[in-house]
């Protein structure tokens, strides 16, 4: 049929009520469409999920969850991880852990050893020196000059007293400087 053959009804766009799924011109005039809004919210979610940081505790528990541990050991590991401070150190006395978890000294030692081997290396130690020593141990540098410096001369190292460290350990200043440069400077003093 031609246009003249169609029934002569008074058609007006004002009479049309949009269906729920209809796109409305006003949406486009405002600079965003429902499709753009939906895509924008998906984009925002993606960006937020990429930039949101995982806490130290979440990171450690994710790793521990991959290990084949008994329920008791998992609970002790979880308690230790939950007790770490913002730097990754454990300043809770072993007696407190024993009391809270009803664990033996051996179970706590095993759980603590597991935590200290997770990434980042050195978490779960009581202080900076023990953390640095643990990091060296896990890098198979237990018997290195760097370990001797940290164990015996940490206070001198803090004040950059290289000559005194060398004299105390009966090595040359160059050997001390090399150990600091090669082994100590790459360690993380706050693994958390």
N, C-alpha and C. Protein backbone atom coordinates (compact mmCIF):
# COMPACT_ATOMS: atom_id res chain seq x y z
N UNK A 1 0.83 -1.18 0.00
CA UNK A 1 0.00 0.00 0.00
C UNK A 1 0.87 1.24 0.00
N UNK A 2 0.32 2.26 -0.66
CA UNK A 2 1.01 3.54 -0.69
C UNK A 2 0.62 4.33 0.54
N UNK A 3 1.30 5.45 0.73
CA UNK A 3 1.04 6.29 1.89
C UNK A 3 -0.41 6.78 1.90
N UNK A 4 -0.94 7.08 0.71
CA UNK A 4 -2.32 7.55 0.64
C UNK A 4 -3.31 6.45 0.98
N UNK A 5 -2.93 5.19 0.78
CA UNK A 5 -3.83 4.08 1.03
C UNK A 5 -3.91 3.70 2.50
N UNK A 6 -2.95 4.15 3.33
CA UNK A 6 -2.96 3.81 4.77
C UNK A 6 -4.09 4.54 5.45
N UNK A 7 -4.66 3.95 6.49
CA UNK A 7 -5.75 4.63 7.22
C UNK A 7 -5.26 5.96 7.75
N UNK A 8 -6.09 6.93 7.70
CA UNK A 8 -5.74 8.28 8.10
C UNK A 8 -5.94 8.43 9.60
N UNK A 9 -4.91 8.05 10.36
CA UNK A 9 -4.97 8.18 11.82
C UNK A 9 -4.10 9.35 12.22
N UNK A 10 -4.43 9.94 13.30
CA UNK A 10 -3.66 11.08 13.80
C UNK A 10 -2.47 10.52 14.58
N UNK A 11 -1.36 10.35 13.86
CA UNK A 11 -0.16 9.79 14.49
C UNK A 11 0.72 10.92 14.98
N UNK A 12 1.16 10.79 16.20
CA UNK A 12 2.03 11.80 16.77
C UNK A 12 3.10 11.10 17.60
N UNK A 13 4.31 11.60 17.54
CA UNK A 13 5.39 11.03 18.35
C UNK A 13 5.15 11.28 19.84
N UNK A 14 4.39 12.32 20.16
CA UNK A 14 4.11 12.63 21.55
C UNK A 14 3.26 11.55 22.20
N UNK A 15 2.46 10.86 21.38
CA UNK A 15 1.57 9.83 21.91
C UNK A 15 2.31 8.52 22.19
N UNK A 16 3.50 8.39 21.66
CA UNK A 16 4.25 7.14 21.82
C UNK A 16 4.90 7.08 23.21
N UNK A 17 4.58 6.06 23.93
CA UNK A 17 5.20 5.83 25.24
C UNK A 17 6.33 4.82 25.05
N UNK A 18 7.55 5.19 25.44
CA UNK A 18 8.66 4.26 25.21
C UNK A 18 8.52 3.00 26.04
N UNK A 19 8.93 1.89 25.42
CA UNK A 19 8.99 0.63 26.16
C UNK A 19 10.23 0.68 27.04
N UNK A 20 10.30 -0.22 27.96
CA UNK A 20 11.41 -0.23 28.91
C UNK A 20 12.77 -0.36 28.22
N UNK A 21 12.85 -1.14 27.17
CA UNK A 21 14.11 -1.37 26.49
C UNK A 21 14.46 -0.33 25.44
N UNK A 22 13.53 0.60 25.15
CA UNK A 22 13.77 1.62 24.12
C UNK A 22 14.88 2.57 24.53
N UNK A 23 15.70 2.94 23.57
CA UNK A 23 16.70 3.96 23.80
C UNK A 23 16.03 5.32 23.61
N UNK A 24 16.26 6.20 24.47
CA UNK A 24 15.60 7.50 24.44
C UNK A 24 16.60 8.55 24.03
N UNK A 25 16.18 9.47 23.15
CA UNK A 25 17.04 10.51 22.64
C UNK A 25 17.68 11.31 23.77
N UNK A 26 16.95 11.54 24.84
CA UNK A 26 17.48 12.31 25.96
C UNK A 26 18.76 11.68 26.53
N UNK A 27 18.81 10.34 26.47
CA UNK A 27 20.01 9.66 26.95
C UNK A 27 21.23 10.05 26.13
N UNK A 28 21.03 10.16 24.83
CA UNK A 28 22.13 10.53 23.95
C UNK A 28 22.45 12.01 24.06
N UNK A 29 21.42 12.82 24.21
CA UNK A 29 21.61 14.27 24.31
C UNK A 29 22.43 14.62 25.55
N UNK A 30 22.30 13.81 26.60
CA UNK A 30 23.05 14.08 27.82
C UNK A 30 24.50 13.64 27.71
N UNK A 31 24.84 12.98 26.61
CA UNK A 31 26.23 12.57 26.40
C UNK A 31 26.51 11.14 26.76
N UNK A 32 25.51 10.42 27.27
CA UNK A 32 25.74 9.02 27.58
C UNK A 32 24.49 8.22 27.30
N UNK A 33 24.69 7.06 26.78
CA UNK A 33 23.56 6.17 26.50
C UNK A 33 23.54 5.08 27.55
N UNK A 34 22.45 4.34 27.65
CA UNK A 34 22.44 3.21 28.58
C UNK A 34 23.55 2.21 28.28
N UNK A 35 23.86 2.04 27.00
CA UNK A 35 24.93 1.12 26.64
C UNK A 35 26.27 1.67 27.14
N UNK A 36 26.47 2.97 26.93
CA UNK A 36 27.72 3.59 27.41
C UNK A 36 27.80 3.51 28.93
N UNK A 37 26.67 3.73 29.60
CA UNK A 37 26.66 3.65 31.07
C UNK A 37 27.04 2.26 31.53
N UNK A 38 26.49 1.23 30.86
CA UNK A 38 26.80 -0.14 31.23
C UNK A 38 28.27 -0.44 30.95
N UNK A 39 28.77 -0.02 29.81
CA UNK A 39 30.18 -0.23 29.47
C UNK A 39 31.08 0.54 30.44
N UNK A 40 30.66 1.75 30.80
CA UNK A 40 31.44 2.55 31.73
C UNK A 40 31.56 1.89 33.08
N UNK A 41 30.45 1.32 33.56
CA UNK A 41 30.51 0.68 34.87
C UNK A 41 31.36 -0.58 34.83
N UNK A 42 31.33 -1.31 33.71
CA UNK A 42 32.20 -2.48 33.57
C UNK A 42 33.66 -2.05 33.53
N UNK A 43 33.93 -0.97 32.82
CA UNK A 43 35.29 -0.43 32.73
C UNK A 43 35.78 0.01 34.10
N UNK A 44 34.92 0.72 34.85
CA UNK A 44 35.28 1.17 36.20
C UNK A 44 35.59 -0.01 37.10
N UNK A 45 34.76 -1.06 37.02
CA UNK A 45 34.98 -2.26 37.83
C UNK A 45 36.32 -2.89 37.49
N UNK A 46 36.61 -3.00 36.18
CA UNK A 46 37.87 -3.59 35.76
C UNK A 46 39.06 -2.79 36.28
N UNK A 47 39.00 -1.49 36.14
CA UNK A 47 40.10 -0.64 36.62
C UNK A 47 40.24 -0.76 38.13
N UNK A 48 39.11 -0.72 38.85
CA UNK A 48 39.15 -0.84 40.31
C UNK A 48 39.75 -2.17 40.74
N UNK A 49 39.39 -3.25 40.04
CA UNK A 49 39.90 -4.56 40.43
C UNK A 49 41.38 -4.69 40.14
N UNK A 50 41.86 -3.99 39.10
CA UNK A 50 43.29 -4.05 38.80
C UNK A 50 44.12 -3.24 39.77
N UNK A 51 43.54 -2.15 40.27
CA UNK A 51 44.31 -1.26 41.13
C UNK A 51 44.13 -1.55 42.61
N UNK A 52 43.15 -2.36 42.97
CA UNK A 52 42.97 -2.64 44.40
C UNK A 52 44.10 -3.54 44.87
N UNK A 53 44.66 -3.19 46.00
CA UNK A 53 45.80 -3.93 46.51
C UNK A 53 45.34 -5.06 47.42
N UNK A 54 46.07 -6.13 47.36
CA UNK A 54 45.82 -7.26 48.23
C UNK A 54 46.63 -7.02 49.50
N UNK A 55 46.02 -7.24 50.65
CA UNK A 55 46.75 -7.03 51.91
C UNK A 55 47.83 -8.10 52.07
N UNK A 56 48.79 -7.81 52.93
CA UNK A 56 49.85 -8.76 53.22
C UNK A 56 49.25 -10.08 53.72
N UNK A 57 48.29 -9.97 54.63
CA UNK A 57 47.67 -11.17 55.18
C UNK A 57 46.98 -12.00 54.10
N UNK A 58 46.26 -11.33 53.19
CA UNK A 58 45.59 -12.05 52.10
C UNK A 58 46.61 -12.73 51.20
N UNK A 59 47.69 -12.02 50.90
CA UNK A 59 48.74 -12.56 50.04
C UNK A 59 49.37 -13.80 50.68
N UNK A 60 49.65 -13.73 51.96
CA UNK A 60 50.26 -14.86 52.65
C UNK A 60 49.30 -16.04 52.77
N UNK A 61 48.04 -15.75 53.09
CA UNK A 61 47.06 -16.84 53.24
C UNK A 61 46.77 -17.52 51.91
N UNK A 62 46.83 -16.77 50.83
CA UNK A 62 46.65 -17.36 49.50
C UNK A 62 47.77 -18.38 49.24
N UNK A 63 48.99 -18.01 49.60
CA UNK A 63 50.12 -18.93 49.42
C UNK A 63 50.00 -20.14 50.35
N UNK A 64 49.65 -19.87 51.59
CA UNK A 64 49.53 -20.96 52.57
C UNK A 64 48.42 -21.93 52.16
N UNK A 65 47.38 -21.40 51.52
CA UNK A 65 46.28 -22.24 51.07
C UNK A 65 46.70 -23.25 50.01
N UNK A 66 47.80 -23.02 49.35
CA UNK A 66 48.32 -23.93 48.32
C UNK A 66 49.16 -25.05 48.91
N UNK A 67 49.45 -24.94 50.20
CA UNK A 67 50.29 -25.95 50.85
C UNK A 67 49.43 -27.06 51.43
N UNK A 68 49.98 -28.25 51.51
CA UNK A 68 49.28 -29.39 52.07
C UNK A 68 49.54 -29.42 53.58
N UNK A 69 48.68 -28.74 54.34
CA UNK A 69 48.86 -28.63 55.79
C UNK A 69 47.67 -29.26 56.50
N UNK A 70 47.93 -29.78 57.69
CA UNK A 70 46.82 -30.28 58.52
C UNK A 70 45.97 -29.09 58.94
N UNK A 71 44.74 -29.36 59.34
CA UNK A 71 43.84 -28.28 59.79
C UNK A 71 44.44 -27.52 60.97
N UNK A 72 45.04 -28.25 61.89
CA UNK A 72 45.66 -27.63 63.07
C UNK A 72 46.77 -26.66 62.65
N UNK A 73 47.63 -27.12 61.74
CA UNK A 73 48.74 -26.29 61.28
C UNK A 73 48.22 -25.09 60.49
N UNK A 74 47.18 -25.29 59.67
CA UNK A 74 46.57 -24.18 58.93
C UNK A 74 46.06 -23.11 59.89
N UNK A 75 45.44 -23.56 60.98
CA UNK A 75 44.91 -22.61 61.97
C UNK A 75 46.01 -21.83 62.65
N UNK A 76 47.12 -22.48 62.96
CA UNK A 76 48.24 -21.79 63.60
C UNK A 76 48.87 -20.81 62.62
N UNK A 77 49.08 -21.24 61.38
CA UNK A 77 49.62 -20.35 60.34
C UNK A 77 48.71 -19.14 60.18
N UNK A 78 47.42 -19.38 60.13
CA UNK A 78 46.44 -18.29 59.98
C UNK A 78 46.52 -17.32 61.15
N UNK A 79 46.65 -17.84 62.36
CA UNK A 79 46.76 -16.99 63.54
C UNK A 79 48.03 -16.14 63.48
N UNK A 80 49.13 -16.76 63.10
CA UNK A 80 50.40 -16.03 63.00
C UNK A 80 50.30 -14.94 61.94
N UNK A 81 49.79 -15.29 60.78
CA UNK A 81 49.64 -14.31 59.70
C UNK A 81 48.75 -13.15 60.15
N UNK A 82 47.67 -13.46 60.84
CA UNK A 82 46.78 -12.42 61.33
C UNK A 82 47.38 -11.55 62.42
N UNK A 83 48.46 -12.01 63.02
CA UNK A 83 49.11 -11.28 64.10
C UNK A 83 50.30 -10.43 63.65
N UNK A 84 50.63 -10.47 62.36
CA UNK A 84 51.76 -9.69 61.86
C UNK A 84 51.44 -8.21 61.88
N UNK A 85 52.45 -7.39 62.15
CA UNK A 85 52.23 -5.94 62.10
C UNK A 85 52.36 -5.46 60.65
N UNK A 86 52.22 -4.16 60.44
CA UNK A 86 52.23 -3.60 59.08
C UNK A 86 53.57 -3.79 58.35
N UNK A 87 54.64 -4.05 59.11
CA UNK A 87 55.95 -4.27 58.49
C UNK A 87 56.22 -5.76 58.25
N UNK A 88 55.29 -6.60 58.67
CA UNK A 88 55.46 -8.04 58.48
C UNK A 88 56.12 -8.74 59.64
N UNK A 89 56.32 -8.03 60.76
CA UNK A 89 56.97 -8.63 61.92
C UNK A 89 55.95 -9.20 62.88
N UNK A 90 56.38 -10.22 63.62
CA UNK A 90 55.54 -10.86 64.63
C UNK A 90 56.08 -10.47 65.99
N UNK A 91 55.36 -9.59 66.68
CA UNK A 91 55.84 -9.16 67.99
C UNK A 91 55.06 -9.81 69.12
N UNK A 92 54.36 -10.87 68.79
CA UNK A 92 53.58 -11.61 69.78
C UNK A 92 54.46 -12.70 70.39
N UNK A 93 54.53 -12.79 71.71
CA UNK A 93 55.35 -13.83 72.33
C UNK A 93 54.79 -15.23 72.03
N UNK A 94 55.68 -16.19 71.96
CA UNK A 94 55.27 -17.57 71.66
C UNK A 94 54.24 -18.08 72.67
N UNK A 95 54.38 -17.70 73.92
CA UNK A 95 53.43 -18.15 74.95
C UNK A 95 52.00 -17.70 74.61
N UNK A 96 51.87 -16.49 74.08
CA UNK A 96 50.56 -15.97 73.69
C UNK A 96 49.99 -16.79 72.53
N UNK A 97 50.84 -17.12 71.57
CA UNK A 97 50.39 -17.95 70.44
C UNK A 97 49.95 -19.31 70.94
N UNK A 98 50.74 -19.89 71.87
CA UNK A 98 50.39 -21.20 72.43
C UNK A 98 49.04 -21.15 73.14
N UNK A 99 48.83 -20.10 73.91
CA UNK A 99 47.59 -19.96 74.65
C UNK A 99 46.39 -19.78 73.71
N UNK A 100 46.55 -18.95 72.68
CA UNK A 100 45.45 -18.65 71.76
C UNK A 100 45.13 -19.81 70.81
N UNK A 101 46.15 -20.59 70.45
CA UNK A 101 45.93 -21.65 69.45
C UNK A 101 45.92 -23.05 70.06
N UNK A 102 46.24 -23.16 71.33
CA UNK A 102 46.34 -24.46 72.02
C UNK A 102 47.33 -25.36 71.30
N UNK A 103 48.44 -24.78 70.87
CA UNK A 103 49.45 -25.51 70.12
C UNK A 103 50.69 -25.73 70.98
N UNK A 104 51.46 -26.72 70.59
CA UNK A 104 52.72 -27.00 71.28
C UNK A 104 53.82 -26.11 70.71
N UNK A 105 54.94 -26.09 71.39
CA UNK A 105 56.10 -25.34 70.92
C UNK A 105 56.52 -25.83 69.52
N UNK A 106 56.52 -27.14 69.33
CA UNK A 106 56.92 -27.72 68.05
C UNK A 106 55.97 -27.30 66.92
N UNK A 107 54.67 -27.31 67.19
CA UNK A 107 53.69 -26.91 66.17
C UNK A 107 53.84 -25.43 65.80
N UNK A 108 54.10 -24.62 66.80
CA UNK A 108 54.29 -23.18 66.54
C UNK A 108 55.57 -22.96 65.74
N UNK A 109 56.63 -23.66 66.10
CA UNK A 109 57.89 -23.54 65.36
C UNK A 109 57.71 -23.94 63.90
N UNK A 110 56.97 -25.01 63.67
CA UNK A 110 56.72 -25.47 62.30
C UNK A 110 55.89 -24.45 61.52
N UNK A 111 54.84 -23.93 62.15
CA UNK A 111 53.98 -22.94 61.49
C UNK A 111 54.76 -21.65 61.21
N UNK A 112 55.56 -21.23 62.15
CA UNK A 112 56.36 -20.02 61.98
C UNK A 112 57.38 -20.20 60.85
N UNK A 113 57.97 -21.36 60.77
CA UNK A 113 58.91 -21.67 59.69
C UNK A 113 58.22 -21.60 58.33
N UNK A 114 57.00 -22.08 58.26
CA UNK A 114 56.22 -22.01 57.02
C UNK A 114 55.96 -20.57 56.63
N UNK A 115 55.50 -19.77 57.59
CA UNK A 115 55.21 -18.36 57.32
C UNK A 115 56.45 -17.63 56.84
N UNK A 116 57.58 -17.88 57.49
CA UNK A 116 58.82 -17.17 57.17
C UNK A 116 59.38 -17.54 55.79
N UNK A 117 58.90 -18.63 55.23
CA UNK A 117 59.36 -19.03 53.90
C UNK A 117 58.43 -18.55 52.79
N UNK A 118 57.31 -17.93 53.16
CA UNK A 118 56.39 -17.40 52.16
C UNK A 118 56.94 -16.10 51.59
N UNK A 119 56.34 -15.68 50.50
CA UNK A 119 56.72 -14.42 49.87
C UNK A 119 55.87 -13.30 50.45
N UNK A 120 56.46 -12.21 50.88
CA UNK A 120 57.86 -11.83 50.79
C UNK A 120 58.71 -12.51 51.86
N UNK A 121 59.93 -12.82 51.47
CA UNK A 121 60.85 -13.48 52.39
C UNK A 121 61.08 -12.61 53.63
N UNK A 122 61.15 -13.28 54.77
CA UNK A 122 61.47 -12.56 56.00
C UNK A 122 60.27 -12.13 56.83
N UNK A 123 59.05 -12.37 56.34
CA UNK A 123 57.89 -12.04 57.18
C UNK A 123 57.82 -13.02 58.34
N UNK A 124 57.19 -12.59 59.42
CA UNK A 124 57.02 -13.47 60.57
C UNK A 124 58.19 -13.47 61.53
N UNK A 125 59.21 -12.68 61.26
CA UNK A 125 60.34 -12.58 62.18
C UNK A 125 60.03 -11.53 63.24
N UNK A 126 60.80 -11.56 64.33
CA UNK A 126 60.49 -10.66 65.45
C UNK A 126 60.99 -9.23 65.25
N UNK A 127 62.03 -9.05 64.40
CA UNK A 127 62.60 -7.71 64.20
C UNK A 127 63.36 -7.65 62.89
N UNK A 128 63.94 -6.49 62.62
CA UNK A 128 64.65 -6.26 61.36
C UNK A 128 65.82 -7.22 61.20
N UNK A 129 66.66 -7.34 62.22
CA UNK A 129 67.86 -8.17 62.11
C UNK A 129 67.48 -9.63 61.84
N UNK A 130 66.53 -10.17 62.60
CA UNK A 130 66.15 -11.57 62.37
C UNK A 130 65.51 -11.75 60.99
N UNK A 131 64.80 -10.73 60.51
CA UNK A 131 64.22 -10.80 59.17
C UNK A 131 65.32 -10.80 58.09
N UNK A 132 66.30 -9.92 58.26
CA UNK A 132 67.40 -9.87 57.29
C UNK A 132 68.19 -11.17 57.30
N UNK A 133 68.42 -11.72 58.48
CA UNK A 133 69.14 -13.00 58.59
C UNK A 133 68.33 -14.14 57.96
N UNK A 134 67.02 -14.12 58.15
CA UNK A 134 66.16 -15.14 57.54
C UNK A 134 66.22 -15.04 56.02
N UNK A 135 66.21 -13.82 55.51
CA UNK A 135 66.29 -13.63 54.06
C UNK A 135 67.60 -14.18 53.51
N UNK A 136 68.69 -13.94 54.21
CA UNK A 136 69.99 -14.49 53.79
C UNK A 136 69.98 -16.02 53.86
N UNK A 137 69.41 -16.56 54.92
CA UNK A 137 69.33 -18.02 55.08
C UNK A 137 68.56 -18.64 53.91
N UNK A 138 67.41 -18.02 53.56
CA UNK A 138 66.59 -18.56 52.48
C UNK A 138 67.24 -18.39 51.11
N UNK A 139 68.27 -17.54 51.05
CA UNK A 139 69.05 -17.37 49.81
C UNK A 139 70.34 -18.19 49.86
N UNK A 140 70.41 -19.10 50.82
CA UNK A 140 71.58 -19.98 51.02
C UNK A 140 72.86 -19.19 51.27
N UNK A 141 72.75 -18.12 52.05
CA UNK A 141 73.92 -17.30 52.39
C UNK A 141 74.10 -17.25 53.90
N UNK A 142 73.77 -18.36 54.53
CA UNK A 142 73.85 -18.48 55.99
C UNK A 142 75.26 -18.31 56.53
N UNK A 143 76.22 -18.74 55.77
CA UNK A 143 77.61 -18.69 56.23
C UNK A 143 78.40 -17.57 55.56
N UNK A 144 77.73 -16.60 55.03
CA UNK A 144 78.39 -15.52 54.31
C UNK A 144 78.89 -14.43 55.25
N UNK A 145 79.74 -13.57 54.71
CA UNK A 145 80.22 -12.41 55.47
C UNK A 145 79.04 -11.50 55.82
N UNK A 146 78.08 -11.40 54.93
CA UNK A 146 76.89 -10.57 55.20
C UNK A 146 76.18 -11.04 56.46
N UNK A 147 76.05 -12.35 56.62
CA UNK A 147 75.41 -12.90 57.82
C UNK A 147 76.22 -12.55 59.06
N UNK A 148 77.53 -12.66 58.98
CA UNK A 148 78.39 -12.31 60.12
C UNK A 148 78.26 -10.83 60.47
N UNK A 149 78.19 -10.00 59.45
CA UNK A 149 78.04 -8.56 59.70
C UNK A 149 76.73 -8.28 60.43
N UNK A 150 75.64 -8.88 59.95
CA UNK A 150 74.33 -8.63 60.58
C UNK A 150 74.26 -9.21 62.00
N UNK A 151 74.82 -10.39 62.19
CA UNK A 151 74.78 -11.03 63.51
C UNK A 151 75.62 -10.29 64.54
N UNK A 152 76.81 -9.86 64.12
CA UNK A 152 77.77 -9.34 65.08
C UNK A 152 77.96 -7.83 65.07
N UNK A 153 77.61 -7.19 63.97
CA UNK A 153 77.97 -5.76 63.82
C UNK A 153 76.82 -4.91 63.30
N UNK A 154 75.60 -5.31 63.54
CA UNK A 154 74.47 -4.55 63.00
C UNK A 154 74.50 -3.10 63.48
N UNK A 155 74.78 -2.89 64.75
CA UNK A 155 74.83 -1.52 65.30
C UNK A 155 75.90 -0.68 64.61
N UNK A 156 77.02 -1.31 64.24
CA UNK A 156 78.08 -0.60 63.51
C UNK A 156 77.65 -0.32 62.07
N UNK A 157 76.96 -1.26 61.48
CA UNK A 157 76.47 -1.10 60.12
C UNK A 157 75.50 0.08 60.02
N UNK A 158 74.65 0.22 61.03
CA UNK A 158 73.69 1.32 61.04
C UNK A 158 74.37 2.69 61.00
N UNK A 159 75.57 2.75 61.56
CA UNK A 159 76.32 4.02 61.62
C UNK A 159 77.43 4.07 60.56
N UNK A 160 77.38 3.10 59.63
CA UNK A 160 78.33 3.08 58.51
C UNK A 160 79.78 3.03 58.97
N UNK A 161 80.05 2.30 60.01
CA UNK A 161 81.40 2.18 60.56
C UNK A 161 82.11 0.97 59.94
N UNK A 162 82.41 1.13 58.68
CA UNK A 162 82.98 0.04 57.88
C UNK A 162 84.33 -0.44 58.44
N UNK A 163 85.19 0.51 58.79
CA UNK A 163 86.52 0.14 59.31
C UNK A 163 86.40 -0.68 60.60
N UNK A 164 85.48 -0.30 61.46
CA UNK A 164 85.30 -1.04 62.72
C UNK A 164 84.74 -2.44 62.46
N UNK A 165 83.84 -2.55 61.50
CA UNK A 165 83.29 -3.87 61.15
C UNK A 165 84.41 -4.76 60.62
N UNK A 166 85.22 -4.20 59.71
CA UNK A 166 86.33 -4.96 59.13
C UNK A 166 87.30 -5.44 60.21
N UNK A 167 87.63 -4.56 61.15
CA UNK A 167 88.55 -4.92 62.22
C UNK A 167 87.94 -6.01 63.11
N UNK A 168 86.68 -5.84 63.49
CA UNK A 168 86.01 -6.80 64.37
C UNK A 168 85.95 -8.19 63.73
N UNK A 169 85.69 -8.23 62.42
CA UNK A 169 85.53 -9.52 61.73
C UNK A 169 86.83 -10.01 61.07
N UNK A 170 87.91 -9.23 61.24
CA UNK A 170 89.23 -9.59 60.68
C UNK A 170 89.17 -9.79 59.16
N UNK A 171 88.55 -8.83 58.49
CA UNK A 171 88.49 -8.83 57.03
C UNK A 171 88.83 -7.42 56.54
N UNK A 172 88.99 -7.27 55.25
CA UNK A 172 89.32 -5.95 54.71
C UNK A 172 88.06 -5.09 54.58
N UNK A 173 88.27 -3.77 54.50
CA UNK A 173 87.14 -2.85 54.30
C UNK A 173 86.46 -3.14 52.96
N UNK A 174 87.25 -3.49 51.95
CA UNK A 174 86.67 -3.81 50.64
C UNK A 174 85.76 -5.03 50.70
N UNK A 175 86.14 -6.02 51.49
CA UNK A 175 85.31 -7.22 51.65
C UNK A 175 83.98 -6.85 52.32
N UNK A 176 84.05 -5.99 53.33
CA UNK A 176 82.83 -5.54 54.01
C UNK A 176 81.94 -4.79 53.03
N UNK A 177 82.53 -3.85 52.30
CA UNK A 177 81.77 -3.07 51.32
C UNK A 177 81.14 -3.96 50.25
N UNK A 178 81.87 -4.94 49.81
CA UNK A 178 81.36 -5.88 48.79
C UNK A 178 80.19 -6.69 49.35
N UNK A 179 80.29 -7.16 50.59
CA UNK A 179 79.21 -7.93 51.21
C UNK A 179 77.96 -7.07 51.37
N UNK A 180 78.16 -5.82 51.74
CA UNK A 180 77.03 -4.90 51.89
C UNK A 180 76.37 -4.67 50.54
N UNK A 181 77.20 -4.39 49.55
CA UNK A 181 76.68 -4.09 48.20
C UNK A 181 75.99 -5.30 47.59
N UNK A 182 76.64 -6.45 47.66
CA UNK A 182 76.17 -7.65 46.98
C UNK A 182 75.04 -8.37 47.71
N UNK A 183 75.13 -8.46 49.05
CA UNK A 183 74.19 -9.30 49.79
C UNK A 183 73.22 -8.55 50.71
N UNK A 184 73.65 -7.49 51.34
CA UNK A 184 72.81 -6.83 52.33
C UNK A 184 71.90 -5.77 51.71
N UNK A 185 72.42 -5.01 50.78
CA UNK A 185 71.63 -3.89 50.23
C UNK A 185 70.39 -4.35 49.48
N UNK A 186 70.35 -5.58 49.03
CA UNK A 186 69.19 -6.08 48.29
C UNK A 186 68.12 -6.68 49.21
N UNK A 187 68.38 -6.73 50.50
CA UNK A 187 67.42 -7.30 51.44
C UNK A 187 66.35 -6.27 51.79
N UNK A 188 65.19 -6.76 52.22
CA UNK A 188 64.08 -5.87 52.57
C UNK A 188 63.98 -5.75 54.09
N UNK A 189 64.25 -4.57 54.65
CA UNK A 189 64.20 -4.40 56.10
C UNK A 189 62.78 -4.42 56.68
N UNK A 190 61.80 -4.24 55.85
CA UNK A 190 60.39 -4.30 56.28
C UNK A 190 59.61 -5.08 55.24
N UNK A 191 59.65 -6.41 55.30
CA UNK A 191 59.06 -7.22 54.24
C UNK A 191 57.54 -7.12 54.10
N UNK A 192 56.89 -6.51 55.06
CA UNK A 192 55.43 -6.37 54.99
C UNK A 192 55.04 -5.29 54.04
